[in-house]
Amino acid sequence: MLSTKNKAGLVIAGLLGLGDVITFFLLPTPEGEVGPPFGILVLGLACGIITVVAVAVAWTKHSRGAIRVAAGARIISMLTALPAFFVDVDAEIKISVTVAVILTVLSVVLMLSPARRTAPVTD
């Protein structure tokens, strides 16, 4: 059974995954401009698709394995965004990467949090 924390983490991860997919199609790096290499964009697309599929499976089948796959895809996606902190890019990009990193960490923690178990009542 999924707890409320798990479901909240899955929703956040699903939205981040959709963001990865949308970013690939709507925000490619224009020719001659500085931005993520095409390979990183493709990896982000793959992580986004894997996340969305894993979230759907985890939500419908209550699969802990699918939750782990979604968490792994989110972590890989987050790692590909970290170089933005070390290059000369606009502040807006650094802020959006910071928000994405925080949301990723939050979603992974929530997704992987164990379900609360009630202690047996003893007399």
PDB file of N, CA and C in Angstrom:
ATOM      1  N   MET A   1       0.836  -1.176   0.000  1.00  0.00           N
ATOM      2  CA  MET A   1       0.000   0.000   0.000  1.00  0.00           C
ATOM      3  C   MET A   1       0.885   1.244   0.000  1.00  0.00           C
ATOM      4  N   LEU A   2       0.518   2.246  -0.766  1.00  0.00           N
ATOM      5  CA  LEU A   2       1.279   3.486  -0.829  1.00  0.00           C
ATOM      6  C   LEU A   2       0.770   4.460   0.224  1.00  0.00           C
ATOM      7  N   SER A   3       1.696   5.081   0.926  1.00  0.00           N
ATOM      8  CA  SER A   3       1.319   6.090   1.914  1.00  0.00           C
ATOM      9  C   SER A   3       1.088   7.422   1.201  1.00  0.00           C
ATOM     10  N   THR A   4       0.577   8.372   1.946  1.00  0.00           N
ATOM     11  CA  THR A   4       0.374   9.716   1.395  1.00  0.00           C
ATOM     12  C   THR A   4       1.712  10.321   0.976  1.00  0.00           C
ATOM     13  N   LYS A   5       2.757  10.075   1.758  1.00  0.00           N
ATOM     14  CA  LYS A   5       4.097  10.568   1.400  1.00  0.00           C
ATOM     15  C   LYS A   5       4.557   9.974   0.070  1.00  0.00           C
ATOM     16  N   ASN A   6       4.357   8.664  -0.085  1.00  0.00           N
ATOM     17  CA  ASN A   6       4.754   8.013  -1.331  1.00  0.00           C
ATOM     18  C   ASN A   6       4.020   8.608  -2.519  1.00  0.00           C
ATOM     19  N   LYS A   7       2.723   8.822  -2.355  1.00  0.00           N
ATOM     20  CA  LYS A   7       1.918   9.383  -3.446  1.00  0.00           C
ATOM     21  C   LYS A   7       2.356  10.808  -3.778  1.00  0.00           C
ATOM     22  N   ALA A   8       2.660  11.605  -2.752  1.00  0.00           N
ATOM     23  CA  ALA A   8       3.128  12.972  -2.998  1.00  0.00           C
ATOM     24  C   ALA A   8       4.455  12.952  -3.754  1.00  0.00           C
ATOM     25  N   GLY A   9       5.348  12.059  -3.363  1.00  0.00           N
ATOM     26  CA  GLY A   9       6.624  11.924  -4.067  1.00  0.00           C
ATOM     27  C   GLY A   9       6.441  11.486  -5.503  1.00  0.00           C
ATOM     28  N   LEU A  10       5.501  10.568  -5.729  1.00  0.00           N
ATOM     29  CA  LEU A  10       5.231  10.115  -7.094  1.00  0.00           C
ATOM     30  C   LEU A  10       4.674  11.247  -7.958  1.00  0.00           C
ATOM     31  N   VAL A  11       3.802  12.067  -7.387  1.00  0.00           N
ATOM     32  CA  VAL A  11       3.249  13.192  -8.150  1.00  0.00           C
ATOM     33  C   VAL A  11       4.356  14.170  -8.525  1.00  0.00           C
ATOM     34  N   ILE A  12       5.210  14.505  -7.570  1.00  0.00           N
ATOM     35  CA  ILE A  12       6.313  15.434  -7.852  1.00  0.00           C
ATOM     36  C   ILE A  12       7.238  14.842  -8.910  1.00  0.00           C
ATOM     37  N   ALA A  13       7.591  13.565  -8.751  1.00  0.00           N
ATOM     38  CA  ALA A  13       8.470  12.913  -9.728  1.00  0.00           C
ATOM     39  C   ALA A  13       7.828  12.876 -11.110  1.00  0.00           C
ATOM     40  N   GLY A  14       6.532  12.585 -11.161  1.00  0.00           N
ATOM     41  CA  GLY A  14       5.837  12.557 -12.449  1.00  0.00           C
ATOM     42  C   GLY A  14       5.858  13.907 -13.140  1.00  0.00           C
ATOM     43  N   LEU A  15       5.653  14.971 -12.363  1.00  0.00           N
ATOM     44  CA  LEU A  15       5.698  16.323 -12.941  1.00  0.00           C
ATOM     45  C   LEU A  15       7.104  16.673 -13.422  1.00  0.00           C
ATOM     46  N   LEU A  16       8.112  16.275 -12.655  1.00  0.00           N
ATOM     47  CA  LEU A  16       9.495  16.516 -13.086  1.00  0.00           C
ATOM     48  C   LEU A  16       9.816  15.725 -14.357  1.00  0.00           C
ATOM     49  N   GLY A  17       9.319  14.493 -14.424  1.00  0.00           N
ATOM     50  CA  GLY A  17       9.520  13.677 -15.626  1.00  0.00           C
ATOM     51  C   GLY A  17       8.865  14.298 -16.846  1.00  0.00           C
ATOM     52  N   LEU A  18       7.639  14.791 -16.671  1.00  0.00           N
ATOM     53  CA  LEU A  18       6.972  15.484 -17.773  1.00  0.00           C
ATOM     54  C   LEU A  18       7.755  16.734 -18.174  1.00  0.00           C
ATOM     55  N   GLY A  19       8.324  17.404 -17.185  1.00  0.00           N
ATOM     56  CA  GLY A  19       9.155  18.576 -17.470  1.00  0.00           C
ATOM     57  C   GLY A  19      10.365  18.215 -18.317  1.00  0.00           C
ATOM     58  N   ASP A  20      10.975  17.069 -18.036  1.00  0.00           N
ATOM     59  CA  ASP A  20      12.110  16.613 -18.841  1.00  0.00           C
ATOM     60  C   ASP A  20      11.696  16.379 -20.289  1.00  0.00           C
ATOM     61  N   VAL A  21      10.552  15.746 -20.480  1.00  0.00           N
ATOM     62  CA  VAL A  21      10.070  15.454 -21.841  1.00  0.00           C
ATOM     63  C   VAL A  21       9.758  16.759 -22.578  1.00  0.00           C
ATOM     64  N   ILE A  22       9.071  17.663 -21.914  1.00  0.00           N
ATOM     65  CA  ILE A  22       8.712  18.935 -22.533  1.00  0.00           C
ATOM     66  C   ILE A  22       9.954  19.751 -22.864  1.00  0.00           C
ATOM     67  N   THR A  23      10.936  19.732 -21.966  1.00  0.00           N
ATOM     68  CA  THR A  23      12.176  20.481 -22.198  1.00  0.00           C
ATOM     69  C   THR A  23      12.863  20.022 -23.475  1.00  0.00           C
ATOM     70  N   PHE A  24      12.874  18.726 -23.722  1.00  0.00           N
ATOM     71  CA  PHE A  24      13.530  18.215 -24.922  1.00  0.00           C
ATOM     72  C   PHE A  24      12.890  18.773 -26.182  1.00  0.00           C
ATOM     73  N   PHE A  25      11.571  18.840 -26.201  1.00  0.00           N
ATOM     74  CA  PHE A  25      10.878  19.256 -27.413  1.00  0.00           C
ATOM     75  C   PHE A  25      10.706  20.771 -27.547  1.00  0.00           C
ATOM     76  N   LEU A  26      10.625  21.484 -26.437  1.00  0.00           N
ATOM     77  CA  LEU A  26      10.349  22.917 -26.504  1.00  0.00           C
ATOM     78  C   LEU A  26      11.560  23.811 -26.267  1.00  0.00           C
ATOM     79  N   LEU A  27      12.565  23.297 -25.613  1.00  0.00           N
ATOM     80  CA  LEU A  27      13.707  24.149 -25.285  1.00  0.00           C
ATOM     81  C   LEU A  27      15.040  23.574 -25.751  1.00  0.00           C
ATOM     82  N   PRO A  28      15.158  23.162 -27.005  1.00  0.00           N
ATOM     83  CA  PRO A  28      16.465  22.685 -27.456  1.00  0.00           C
ATOM     84  C   PRO A  28      17.448  23.854 -27.529  1.00  0.00           C
ATOM     85  N   THR A  29      18.716  23.546 -27.415  1.00  0.00           N
ATOM     86  CA  THR A  29      19.740  24.578 -27.499  1.00  0.00           C
ATOM     87  C   THR A  29      19.842  25.067 -28.937  1.00  0.00           C
ATOM     88  N   PRO A  30      19.594  26.359 -29.175  1.00  0.00           N
ATOM     89  CA  PRO A  30      19.693  26.886 -30.539  1.00  0.00           C
ATOM     90  C   PRO A  30      21.114  26.768 -31.077  1.00  0.00           C
ATOM     91  N   GLU A  31      21.222  26.663 -32.372  1.00  0.00           N
ATOM     92  CA  GLU A  31      22.524  26.545 -33.044  1.00  0.00           C
ATOM     93  C   GLU A  31      23.407  27.731 -32.690  1.00  0.00           C
ATOM     94  N   GLY A  32      24.614  27.466 -32.234  1.00  0.00           N
ATOM     95  CA  GLY A  32      25.571  28.520 -31.936  1.00  0.00           C
ATOM     96  C   GLY A  32      25.433  29.128 -30.553  1.00  0.00           C
ATOM     97  N   GLU A  33      24.467  28.678 -29.750  1.00  0.00           N
ATOM     98  CA  GLU A  33      24.301  29.214 -28.403  1.00  0.00           C
ATOM     99  C   GLU A  33      24.777  28.202 -27.378  1.00  0.00           C
ATOM    100  N   VAL A  34      25.084  28.717 -26.190  1.00  0.00           N
ATOM    101  CA  VAL A  34      25.548  27.864 -25.110  1.00  0.00           C
ATOM    102  C   VAL A  34      24.339  27.224 -24.439  1.00  0.00           C
ATOM    103  N   GLY A  35      24.431  25.959 -24.189  1.00  0.00           N
ATOM    104  CA  GLY A  35      23.354  25.226 -23.535  1.00  0.00           C
ATOM    105  C   GLY A  35      23.771  23.785 -23.368  1.00  0.00           C
ATOM    106  N   PRO A  36      22.858  22.974 -22.863  1.00  0.00           N
ATOM    107  CA  PRO A  36      23.220  21.569 -22.675  1.00  0.00           C
ATOM    108  C   PRO A  36      23.479  20.883 -24.007  1.00  0.00           C
ATOM    109  N   PRO A  37      24.484  20.013 -24.048  1.00  0.00           N
ATOM    110  CA  PRO A  37      24.736  19.257 -25.274  1.00  0.00           C
ATOM    111  C   PRO A  37      23.531  18.376 -25.621  1.00  0.00           C
ATOM    112  N   PHE A  38      23.423  18.047 -26.887  1.00  0.00           N
ATOM    113  CA  PHE A  38      22.294  17.253 -27.357  1.00  0.00           C
ATOM    114  C   PHE A  38      22.204  15.914 -26.623  1.00  0.00           C
ATOM    115  N   GLY A  39      23.342  15.315 -26.324  1.00  0.00           N
ATOM    116  CA  GLY A  39      23.354  14.034 -25.601  1.00  0.00           C
ATOM    117  C   GLY A  39      22.719  14.143 -24.221  1.00  0.00           C
ATOM    118  N   ILE A  40      22.951  15.248 -23.552  1.00  0.00           N
ATOM    119  CA  ILE A  40      22.360  15.471 -22.232  1.00  0.00           C
ATOM    120  C   ILE A  40      20.851  15.665 -22.375  1.00  0.00           C
ATOM    121  N   LEU A  41      20.429  16.365 -23.420  1.00  0.00           N
ATOM    122  CA  LEU A  41      18.997  16.533 -23.659  1.00  0.00           C
ATOM    123  C   LEU A  41      18.320  15.186 -23.932  1.00  0.00           C
ATOM    124  N   VAL A  42      18.986  14.320 -24.679  1.00  0.00           N
ATOM    125  CA  VAL A  42      18.438  12.992 -24.972  1.00  0.00           C
ATOM    126  C   VAL A  42      18.367  12.162 -23.690  1.00  0.00           C
ATOM    127  N   LEU A  43      19.412  12.237 -22.874  1.00  0.00           N
ATOM    128  CA  LEU A  43      19.410  11.518 -21.594  1.00  0.00           C
ATOM    129  C   LEU A  43      18.279  12.037 -20.698  1.00  0.00           C
ATOM    130  N   GLY A  44      18.071  13.345 -20.697  1.00  0.00           N
ATOM    131  CA  GLY A  44      16.965  13.918 -19.935  1.00  0.00           C
ATOM    132  C   GLY A  44      15.618  13.424 -20.437  1.00  0.00           C
ATOM    133  N   LEU A  45      15.476  13.330 -21.758  1.00  0.00           N
ATOM    134  CA  LEU A  45      14.242  12.801 -22.343  1.00  0.00           C
ATOM    135  C   LEU A  45      14.025  11.359 -21.896  1.00  0.00           C
ATOM    136  N   ALA A  46      15.077  10.551 -21.956  1.00  0.00           N
ATOM    137  CA  ALA A  46      14.965   9.148 -21.541  1.00  0.00           C
ATOM    138  C   ALA A  46      14.591   9.058 -20.060  1.00  0.00           C
ATOM    139  N   CYS A  47      15.234   9.867 -19.219  1.00  0.00           N
ATOM    140  CA  CYS A  47      14.911   9.862 -17.784  1.00  0.00           C
ATOM    141  C   CYS A  47      13.471  10.304 -17.555  1.00  0.00           C
ATOM    142  N   GLY A  48      13.021  11.276 -18.324  1.00  0.00           N
ATOM    143  CA  GLY A  48      11.645  11.741 -18.193  1.00  0.00           C
ATOM    144  C   GLY A  48      10.640  10.669 -18.549  1.00  0.00           C
ATOM    145  N   ILE A  49      10.878   9.982 -19.658  1.00  0.00           N
ATOM    146  CA  ILE A  49       9.967   8.911 -20.085  1.00  0.00           C
ATOM    147  C   ILE A  49       9.972   7.768 -19.077  1.00  0.00           C
ATOM    148  N   ILE A  50      11.167   7.379 -18.638  1.00  0.00           N
ATOM    149  CA  ILE A  50      11.278   6.301 -17.641  1.00  0.00           C
ATOM    150  C   ILE A  50      10.550   6.699 -16.361  1.00  0.00           C
ATOM    151  N   THR A  51      10.718   7.948 -15.938  1.00  0.00           N
ATOM    152  CA  THR A  51      10.051   8.409 -14.724  1.00  0.00           C
ATOM    153  C   THR A  51       8.540   8.331 -14.852  1.00  0.00           C
ATOM    154  N   VAL A  52       8.009   8.857 -15.948  1.00  0.00           N
ATOM    155  CA  VAL A  52       6.550   8.878 -16.129  1.00  0.00           C
ATOM    156  C   VAL A  52       5.990   7.462 -16.160  1.00  0.00           C
ATOM    157  N   VAL A  53       6.644   6.564 -16.874  1.00  0.00           N
ATOM    158  CA  VAL A  53       6.172   5.180 -16.947  1.00  0.00           C
ATOM    159  C   VAL A  53       6.276   4.506 -15.573  1.00  0.00           C
ATOM    160  N   ALA A  54       7.400   4.697 -14.888  1.00  0.00           N
ATOM    161  CA  ALA A  54       7.585   4.079 -13.570  1.00  0.00           C
ATOM    162  C   ALA A  54       6.583   4.622 -12.559  1.00  0.00           C
ATOM    163  N   VAL A  55       6.291   5.916 -12.618  1.00  0.00           N
ATOM    164  CA  VAL A  55       5.297   6.503 -11.715  1.00  0.00           C
ATOM    165  C   VAL A  55       3.925   5.901 -11.986  1.00  0.00           C
ATOM    166  N   ALA A  56       3.566   5.751 -13.247  1.00  0.00           N
ATOM    167  CA  ALA A  56       2.266   5.160 -13.585  1.00  0.00           C
ATOM    168  C   ALA A  56       2.166   3.727 -13.076  1.00  0.00           C
ATOM    169  N   VAL A  57       3.230   2.955 -13.257  1.00  0.00           N
ATOM    170  CA  VAL A  57       3.234   1.567 -12.785  1.00  0.00           C
ATOM    171  C   VAL A  57       3.184   1.531 -11.262  1.00  0.00           C
ATOM    172  N   ALA A  58       3.979   2.359 -10.613  1.00  0.00           N
ATOM    173  CA  ALA A  58       3.998   2.380  -9.148  1.00  0.00           C
ATOM    174  C   ALA A  58       2.641   2.769  -8.589  1.00  0.00           C
ATOM    175  N   TRP A  59       1.991   3.736  -9.217  1.00  0.00           N
ATOM    176  CA  TRP A  59       0.698   4.216  -8.724  1.00  0.00           C
ATOM    177  C   TRP A  59      -0.391   3.149  -8.881  1.00  0.00           C
ATOM    178  N   THR A  60      -0.398   2.480 -10.035  1.00  0.00           N
ATOM    179  CA  THR A  60      -1.477   1.518 -10.301  1.00  0.00           C
ATOM    180  C   THR A  60      -1.235   0.156  -9.658  1.00  0.00           C
ATOM    181  N   LYS A  61       0.006  -0.274  -9.601  1.00  0.00           N
ATOM    182  CA  LYS A  61       0.297  -1.618  -9.098  1.00  0.00           C
ATOM    183  C   LYS A  61       0.933  -1.616  -7.716  1.00  0.00           C
ATOM    184  N   HIS A  62       1.144  -0.430  -7.147  1.00  0.00           N
ATOM    185  CA  HIS A  62       1.773  -0.298  -5.821  1.00  0.00           C
ATOM    186  C   HIS A  62       3.115  -1.028  -5.779  1.00  0.00           C
ATOM    187  N   SER A  63       3.895  -0.856  -6.828  1.00  0.00           N
ATOM    188  CA  SER A  63       5.161  -1.561  -6.987  1.00  0.00           C
ATOM    189  C   SER A  63       6.313  -0.762  -6.385  1.00  0.00           C
ATOM    190  N   ARG A  64       6.957  -1.331  -5.376  1.00  0.00           N
ATOM    191  CA  ARG A  64       8.128  -0.687  -4.782  1.00  0.00           C
ATOM    192  C   ARG A  64       9.292  -0.667  -5.782  1.00  0.00           C
ATOM    193  N   GLY A  65       9.378  -1.684  -6.624  1.00  0.00           N
ATOM    194  CA  GLY A  65      10.422  -1.704  -7.648  1.00  0.00           C
ATOM    195  C   GLY A  65      10.277  -0.548  -8.618  1.00  0.00           C
ATOM    196  N   ALA A  66       9.054  -0.270  -9.026  1.00  0.00           N
ATOM    197  CA  ALA A  66       8.813   0.860  -9.937  1.00  0.00           C
ATOM    198  C   ALA A  66       9.143   2.182  -9.253  1.00  0.00           C
ATOM    199  N   ILE A  67       8.889   2.274  -7.959  1.00  0.00           N
ATOM    200  CA  ILE A  67       9.258   3.491  -7.219  1.00  0.00           C
ATOM    201  C   ILE A  67      10.767   3.670  -7.237  1.00  0.00           C
ATOM    202  N   ARG A  68      11.498   2.594  -7.068  1.00  0.00           N
ATOM    203  CA  ARG A  68      12.970   2.676  -7.091  1.00  0.00           C
ATOM    204  C   ARG A  68      13.478   3.091  -8.474  1.00  0.00           C
ATOM    205  N   VAL A  69      12.833   2.578  -9.518  1.00  0.00           N
ATOM    206  CA  VAL A  69      13.217   2.961 -10.890  1.00  0.00           C
ATOM    207  C   VAL A  69      12.962   4.452 -11.101  1.00  0.00           C
ATOM    208  N   ALA A  70      11.806   4.930 -10.660  1.00  0.00           N
ATOM    209  CA  ALA A  70      11.479   6.359 -10.794  1.00  0.00           C
ATOM    210  C   ALA A  70      12.495   7.200 -10.020  1.00  0.00           C
ATOM    211  N   ALA A  71      12.843   6.773  -8.812  1.00  0.00           N
ATOM    212  CA  ALA A  71      13.818   7.514  -8.010  1.00  0.00           C
ATOM    213  C   ALA A  71      15.180   7.536  -8.703  1.00  0.00           C
ATOM    214  N   GLY A  72      15.590   6.418  -9.253  1.00  0.00           N
ATOM    215  CA  GLY A  72      16.872   6.364  -9.962  1.00  0.00           C
ATOM    216  C   GLY A  72      16.891   7.259 -11.187  1.00  0.00           C
ATOM    217  N   ALA A  73      15.806   7.264 -11.932  1.00  0.00           N
ATOM    218  CA  ALA A  73      15.721   8.124 -13.120  1.00  0.00           C
ATOM    219  C   ALA A  73      15.767   9.593 -12.725  1.00  0.00           C
ATOM    220  N   ARG A  74      15.108   9.941 -11.630  1.00  0.00           N
ATOM    221  CA  ARG A  74      15.121  11.339 -11.167  1.00  0.00           C
ATOM    222  C   ARG A  74      16.519  11.743 -10.716  1.00  0.00           C
ATOM    223  N   ILE A  75      17.219  10.845 -10.039  1.00  0.00           N
ATOM    224  CA  ILE A  75      18.577  11.159  -9.575  1.00  0.00           C
ATOM    225  C   ILE A  75      19.512  11.360 -10.763  1.00  0.00           C
ATOM    226  N   ILE A  76      19.421  10.497 -11.759  1.00  0.00           N
ATOM    227  CA  ILE A  76      20.265  10.653 -12.955  1.00  0.00           C
ATOM    228  C   ILE A  76      19.951  11.969 -13.655  1.00  0.00           C
ATOM    229  N   SER A  77      18.678  12.282 -13.783  1.00  0.00           N
ATOM    230  CA  SER A  77      18.286  13.542 -14.415  1.00  0.00           C
ATOM    231  C   SER A  77      18.843  14.734 -13.638  1.00  0.00           C
ATOM    232  N   MET A  78      18.767  14.661 -12.314  1.00  0.00           N
ATOM    233  CA  MET A  78      19.285  15.742 -11.474  1.00  0.00           C
ATOM    234  C   MET A  78      20.799  15.900 -11.670  1.00  0.00           C
ATOM    235  N   LEU A  79      21.510  14.799 -11.733  1.00  0.00           N
ATOM    236  CA  LEU A  79      22.963  14.866 -11.892  1.00  0.00           C
ATOM    237  C   LEU A  79      23.360  15.525 -13.214  1.00  0.00           C
ATOM    238  N   THR A  80      22.548  15.338 -14.245  1.00  0.00           N
ATOM    239  CA  THR A  80      22.880  15.961 -15.534  1.00  0.00           C
ATOM    240  C   THR A  80      22.672  17.473 -15.504  1.00  0.00           C
ATOM    241  N   ALA A  81      21.895  17.964 -14.543  1.00  0.00           N
ATOM    242  CA  ALA A  81      21.639  19.408 -14.449  1.00  0.00           C
ATOM    243  C   ALA A  81      22.674  20.132 -13.593  1.00  0.00           C
ATOM    244  N   LEU A  82      23.408  19.415 -12.769  1.00  0.00           N
ATOM    245  CA  LEU A  82      24.344  20.056 -11.840  1.00  0.00           C
ATOM    246  C   LEU A  82      25.444  20.893 -12.488  1.00  0.00           C
ATOM    247  N   PRO A  83      25.937  20.561 -13.685  1.00  0.00           N
ATOM    248  CA  PRO A  83      26.956  21.416 -14.283  1.00  0.00           C
ATOM    249  C   PRO A  83      26.521  22.860 -14.495  1.00  0.00           C
ATOM    250  N   ALA A  84      25.241  23.127 -14.498  1.00  0.00           N
ATOM    251  CA  ALA A  84      24.758  24.513 -14.660  1.00  0.00           C
ATOM    252  C   ALA A  84      25.265  25.412 -13.536  1.00  0.00           C
ATOM    253  N   PHE A  85      25.601  24.837 -12.395  1.00  0.00           N
ATOM    254  CA  PHE A  85      26.123  25.631 -11.280  1.00  0.00           C
ATOM    255  C   PHE A  85      27.566  26.061 -11.497  1.00  0.00           C
ATOM    256  N   PHE A  86      28.269  25.414 -12.422  1.00  0.00           N
ATOM    257  CA  PHE A  86      29.696  25.648 -12.590  1.00  0.00           C
ATOM    258  C   PHE A  86      30.059  26.326 -13.908  1.00  0.00           C
ATOM    259  N   VAL A  87      29.070  26.711 -14.692  1.00  0.00           N
ATOM    260  CA  VAL A  87      29.325  27.417 -15.942  1.00  0.00           C
ATOM    261  C   VAL A  87      28.644  28.774 -15.901  1.00  0.00           C
ATOM    262  N   ASP A  88      29.019  29.621 -16.819  1.00  0.00           N
ATOM    263  CA  ASP A  88      28.463  30.968 -16.865  1.00  0.00           C
ATOM    264  C   ASP A  88      27.132  30.945 -17.612  1.00  0.00           C
ATOM    265  N   VAL A  89      26.036  30.849 -16.855  1.00  0.00           N
ATOM    266  CA  VAL A  89      24.693  30.884 -17.433  1.00  0.00           C
ATOM    267  C   VAL A  89      23.868  31.930 -16.692  1.00  0.00           C
ATOM    268  N   ASP A  90      22.730  32.262 -17.254  1.00  0.00           N
ATOM    269  CA  ASP A  90      21.857  33.254 -16.636  1.00  0.00           C
ATOM    270  C   ASP A  90      21.403  32.797 -15.250  1.00  0.00           C
ATOM    271  N   ALA A  91      21.113  33.776 -14.409  1.00  0.00           N
ATOM    272  CA  ALA A  91      20.653  33.487 -13.054  1.00  0.00           C
ATOM    273  C   ALA A  91      19.340  32.707 -13.069  1.00  0.00           C
ATOM    274  N   GLU A  92      18.479  32.985 -14.060  1.00  0.00           N
ATOM    275  CA  GLU A  92      17.201  32.283 -14.141  1.00  0.00           C
ATOM    276  C   GLU A  92      17.408  30.775 -14.313  1.00  0.00           C
ATOM    277  N   ILE A  93      18.417  30.409 -15.085  1.00  0.00           N
ATOM    278  CA  ILE A  93      18.695  28.992 -15.301  1.00  0.00           C
ATOM    279  C   ILE A  93      19.193  28.363 -14.013  1.00  0.00           C
ATOM    280  N   LYS A  94      20.085  29.058 -13.304  1.00  0.00           N
ATOM    281  CA  LYS A  94      20.588  28.524 -12.035  1.00  0.00           C
ATOM    282  C   LYS A  94      19.464  28.390 -11.012  1.00  0.00           C
ATOM    283  N   ILE A  95      18.546  29.340 -11.006  1.00  0.00           N
ATOM    284  CA  ILE A  95      17.412  29.257 -10.081  1.00  0.00           C
ATOM    285  C   ILE A  95      16.519  28.077 -10.438  1.00  0.00           C
ATOM    286  N   SER A  96      16.249  27.888 -11.726  1.00  0.00           N
ATOM    287  CA  SER A  96      15.388  26.769 -12.126  1.00  0.00           C
ATOM    288  C   SER A  96      16.058  25.424 -11.842  1.00  0.00           C
ATOM    289  N   VAL A  97      17.365  25.347 -12.018  1.00  0.00           N
ATOM    290  CA  VAL A  97      18.081  24.113 -11.688  1.00  0.00           C
ATOM    291  C   VAL A  97      18.044  23.877 -10.181  1.00  0.00           C
ATOM    292  N   THR A  98      18.199  24.934  -9.398  1.00  0.00           N
ATOM    293  CA  THR A  98      18.129  24.799  -7.948  1.00  0.00           C
ATOM    294  C   THR A  98      16.765  24.274  -7.515  1.00  0.00           C
ATOM    295  N   VAL A  99      15.708  24.826  -8.080  1.00  0.00           N
ATOM    296  CA  VAL A  99      14.349  24.365  -7.757  1.00  0.00           C
ATOM    297  C   VAL A  99      14.183  22.901  -8.164  1.00  0.00           C
ATOM    298  N   ALA A 100      14.674  22.536  -9.340  1.00  0.00           N
ATOM    299  CA  ALA A 100      14.562  21.151  -9.806  1.00  0.00           C
ATOM    300  C   ALA A 100      15.328  20.197  -8.893  1.00  0.00           C
ATOM    301  N   VAL A 101      16.509  20.603  -8.444  1.00  0.00           N
ATOM    302  CA  VAL A 101      17.301  19.754  -7.541  1.00  0.00           C
ATOM    303  C   VAL A 101      16.563  19.567  -6.217  1.00  0.00           C
ATOM    304  N   ILE A 102      16.041  20.641  -5.666  1.00  0.00           N
ATOM    305  CA  ILE A 102      15.315  20.548  -4.391  1.00  0.00           C
ATOM    306  C   ILE A 102      14.076  19.663  -4.541  1.00  0.00           C
ATOM    307  N   LEU A 103      13.321  19.869  -5.615  1.00  0.00           N
ATOM    308  CA  LEU A 103      12.129  19.047  -5.839  1.00  0.00           C
ATOM    309  C   LEU A 103      12.485  17.577  -6.076  1.00  0.00           C
ATOM    310  N   THR A 104      13.608  17.336  -6.744  1.00  0.00           N
ATOM    311  CA  THR A 104      14.041  15.956  -6.973  1.00  0.00           C
ATOM    312  C   THR A 104      14.383  15.273  -5.659  1.00  0.00           C
ATOM    313  N   VAL A 105      15.170  15.948  -4.828  1.00  0.00           N
ATOM    314  CA  VAL A 105      15.530  15.371  -3.527  1.00  0.00           C
ATOM    315  C   VAL A 105      14.263  15.117  -2.708  1.00  0.00           C
ATOM    316  N   LEU A 106      13.350  16.085  -2.697  1.00  0.00           N
ATOM    317  CA  LEU A 106      12.101  15.927  -1.960  1.00  0.00           C
ATOM    318  C   LEU A 106      11.301  14.744  -2.488  1.00  0.00           C
ATOM    319  N   SER A 107      11.188  14.629  -3.804  1.00  0.00           N
ATOM    320  CA  SER A 107      10.398  13.525  -4.371  1.00  0.00           C
ATOM    321  C   SER A 107      11.021  12.170  -4.054  1.00  0.00           C
ATOM    322  N   VAL A 108      12.337  12.065  -4.126  1.00  0.00           N
ATOM    323  CA  VAL A 108      13.006  10.794  -3.845  1.00  0.00           C
ATOM    324  C   VAL A 108      12.815  10.410  -2.373  1.00  0.00           C
ATOM    325  N   VAL A 109      12.980  11.369  -1.483  1.00  0.00           N
ATOM    326  CA  VAL A 109      12.791  11.087  -0.060  1.00  0.00           C
ATOM    327  C   VAL A 109      11.356  10.634   0.209  1.00  0.00           C
ATOM    328  N   LEU A 110      10.391  11.329  -0.372  1.00  0.00           N
ATOM    329  CA  LEU A 110       8.993  10.961  -0.155  1.00  0.00           C
ATOM    330  C   LEU A 110       8.650   9.612  -0.783  1.00  0.00           C
ATOM    331  N   MET A 111       9.137   9.369  -1.990  1.00  0.00           N
ATOM    332  CA  MET A 111       8.836   8.100  -2.655  1.00  0.00           C
ATOM    333  C   MET A 111       9.407   6.914  -1.892  1.00  0.00           C
ATOM    334  N   LEU A 112      10.611   7.076  -1.365  1.00  0.00           N
ATOM    335  CA  LEU A 112      11.292   5.963  -0.713  1.00  0.00           C
ATOM    336  C   LEU A 112      11.009   5.856   0.775  1.00  0.00           C
ATOM    337  N   SER A 113      10.207   6.760   1.321  1.00  0.00           N
ATOM    338  CA  SER A 113       9.903   6.669   2.750  1.00  0.00           C
ATOM    339  C   SER A 113       9.035   5.444   2.989  1.00  0.00           C
ATOM    340  N   PRO A 114       9.364   4.700   4.043  1.00  0.00           N
ATOM    341  CA  PRO A 114       8.595   3.483   4.309  1.00  0.00           C
ATOM    342  C   PRO A 114       7.182   3.811   4.785  1.00  0.00           C
ATOM    343  N   ALA A 115       6.287   2.904   4.517  1.00  0.00           N
ATOM    344  CA  ALA A 115       4.908   3.078   4.978  1.00  0.00           C
ATOM    345  C   ALA A 115       4.896   2.969   6.499  1.00  0.00           C
ATOM    346  N   ARG A 116       4.077   3.784   7.109  1.00  0.00           N
ATOM    347  CA  ARG A 116       3.986   3.772   8.562  1.00  0.00           C
ATOM    348  C   ARG A 116       3.219   2.520   8.995  1.00  0.00           C
ATOM    349  N   ARG A 117       3.795   1.815   9.938  1.00  0.00           N
ATOM    350  CA  ARG A 117       3.145   0.602  10.424  1.00  0.00           C
ATOM    351  C   ARG A 117       2.650   0.865  11.845  1.00  0.00           C
ATOM    352  N   THR A 118       1.477   0.363  12.103  1.00  0.00           N
ATOM    353  CA  THR A 118       0.940   0.531  13.444  1.00  0.00           C
ATOM    354  C   THR A 118       1.442  -0.578  14.336  1.00  0.00           C
ATOM    355  N   ALA A 119       1.765  -0.219  15.552  1.00  0.00           N
ATOM    356  CA  ALA A 119       2.252  -1.201  16.504  1.00  0.00           C
ATOM    357  C   ALA A 119       1.075  -2.021  17.032  1.00  0.00           C
ATOM    358  N   PRO A 120       1.289  -3.299  17.219  1.00  0.00           N
ATOM    359  CA  PRO A 120       0.200  -4.122  17.757  1.00  0.00           C
ATOM    360  C   PRO A 120      -0.127  -3.703  19.194  1.00  0.00           C
ATOM    361  N   VAL A 121      -1.371  -3.734  19.506  1.00  0.00           N
ATOM    362  CA  VAL A 121      -1.820  -3.367  20.842  1.00  0.00           C
ATOM    363  C   VAL A 121      -1.711  -4.580  21.749  1.00  0.00           C
ATOM    364  N   THR A 122      -1.016  -4.384  22.850  1.00  0.00           N
ATOM    365  CA  THR A 122      -0.872  -5.482  23.813  1.00  0.00           C
ATOM    366  C   THR A 122      -1.495  -5.071  25.132  1.00  0.00           C
ATOM    367  N   ASP A 123      -2.079  -6.005  25.820  1.00  0.00           N
ATOM    368  CA  ASP A 123      -2.695  -5.721  27.120  1.00  0.00           C
ATOM    369  C   ASP A 123      -1.813  -6.132  28.248  1.00  0.00           C
TER     370      ASP A 123
END
